[in-house]
Amino acid sequence: MFYLLAIAVVVLIIGTLVTISVSKENDENYGKKSKSNVMRLTSIYVVVVSVSLVILGFYIAKT
């Protein structure tokens, strides 16, 4: 079980880093347009991680 959680966390971190690196391209227009998208993606990551931790807590408490 721990290995699956570790893999999920690694994938989440890699996804976050890739998202941020893509948003830092040198094209000025792209940077202006992507700023709101990056904020939305970041908020989605925060919500998904929070919900996942709550669900994991319920699962661990049940077993």
Protein backbone atom coordinates (compact mmCIF):
# COMPACT_ATOMS: atom_id res chain seq x y z
CA MET A 1 0.00 0.00 0.00
CA PHE A 2 2.83 2.37 0.86
CA TYR A 3 4.42 1.85 -2.55
CA LEU A 4 1.24 2.84 -4.36
CA LEU A 5 0.96 6.02 -2.29
CA ALA A 6 4.62 6.82 -2.94
CA ILE A 7 4.15 6.34 -6.69
CA ALA A 8 1.06 8.58 -6.63
CA VAL A 9 2.95 11.32 -4.79
CA VAL A 10 5.90 11.10 -7.21
CA VAL A 11 3.56 11.34 -10.22
CA LEU A 12 1.80 14.32 -8.64
CA ILE A 13 5.08 16.13 -8.00
CA ILE A 14 6.35 15.43 -11.52
CA GLY A 15 3.07 16.68 -12.98
CA THR A 16 3.28 19.86 -10.95
CA LEU A 17 6.88 20.52 -11.98
CA VAL A 18 6.13 19.88 -15.66
CA THR A 19 3.11 22.19 -15.51
CA ILE A 20 5.18 24.98 -13.99
CA SER A 21 8.07 24.49 -16.43
CA VAL A 22 5.73 24.63 -19.44
CA SER A 23 4.25 27.88 -18.16
CA LYS A 24 7.69 29.53 -18.05
CA GLU A 25 8.30 29.56 -21.79
CA ASN A 26 9.94 32.69 -23.23
CA ASP A 27 6.95 33.74 -25.33
CA GLU A 28 5.52 36.77 -23.50
CA ASN A 29 1.98 36.33 -24.79
CA TYR A 30 1.96 32.69 -23.73
CA GLY A 31 3.09 33.64 -20.25
CA LYS A 32 0.30 36.18 -19.84
CA LYS A 33 -2.33 33.74 -21.06
CA SER A 34 -1.06 30.79 -19.07
CA LYS A 35 -0.86 32.56 -15.72
CA SER A 36 -4.55 32.03 -14.97
CA ASN A 37 -4.35 28.45 -16.24
CA VAL A 38 -1.45 27.72 -13.91
CA MET A 39 -3.39 29.13 -10.98
CA ARG A 40 -6.39 26.95 -11.86
CA LEU A 41 -4.20 23.85 -12.21
CA THR A 42 -2.50 24.59 -8.90
CA SER A 43 -5.84 24.90 -7.16
CA ILE A 44 -6.96 21.63 -8.74
CA TYR A 45 -3.80 19.93 -7.44
CA VAL A 46 -4.45 21.29 -3.94
CA VAL A 47 -8.06 20.07 -3.96
CA VAL A 48 -7.18 16.63 -5.33
CA VAL A 49 -4.37 16.11 -2.82
CA SER A 50 -6.58 17.25 0.08
CA VAL A 51 -9.47 15.00 -0.93
CA SER A 52 -7.08 12.08 -1.51
CA LEU A 53 -5.57 12.48 1.95
CA VAL A 54 -9.02 12.57 3.57
CA ILE A 55 -10.09 9.43 1.68
CA LEU A 56 -6.84 7.71 2.62
CA GLY A 57 -7.42 8.66 6.27
CA PHE A 58 -10.91 7.12 6.16
CA TYR A 59 -9.50 3.99 4.53
CA ILE A 60 -6.76 3.59 7.12
CA ALA A 61 -9.17 4.24 9.99
CA LYS A 62 -11.55 1.56 8.68
CA THR A 63 -8.91 -1.16 8.46
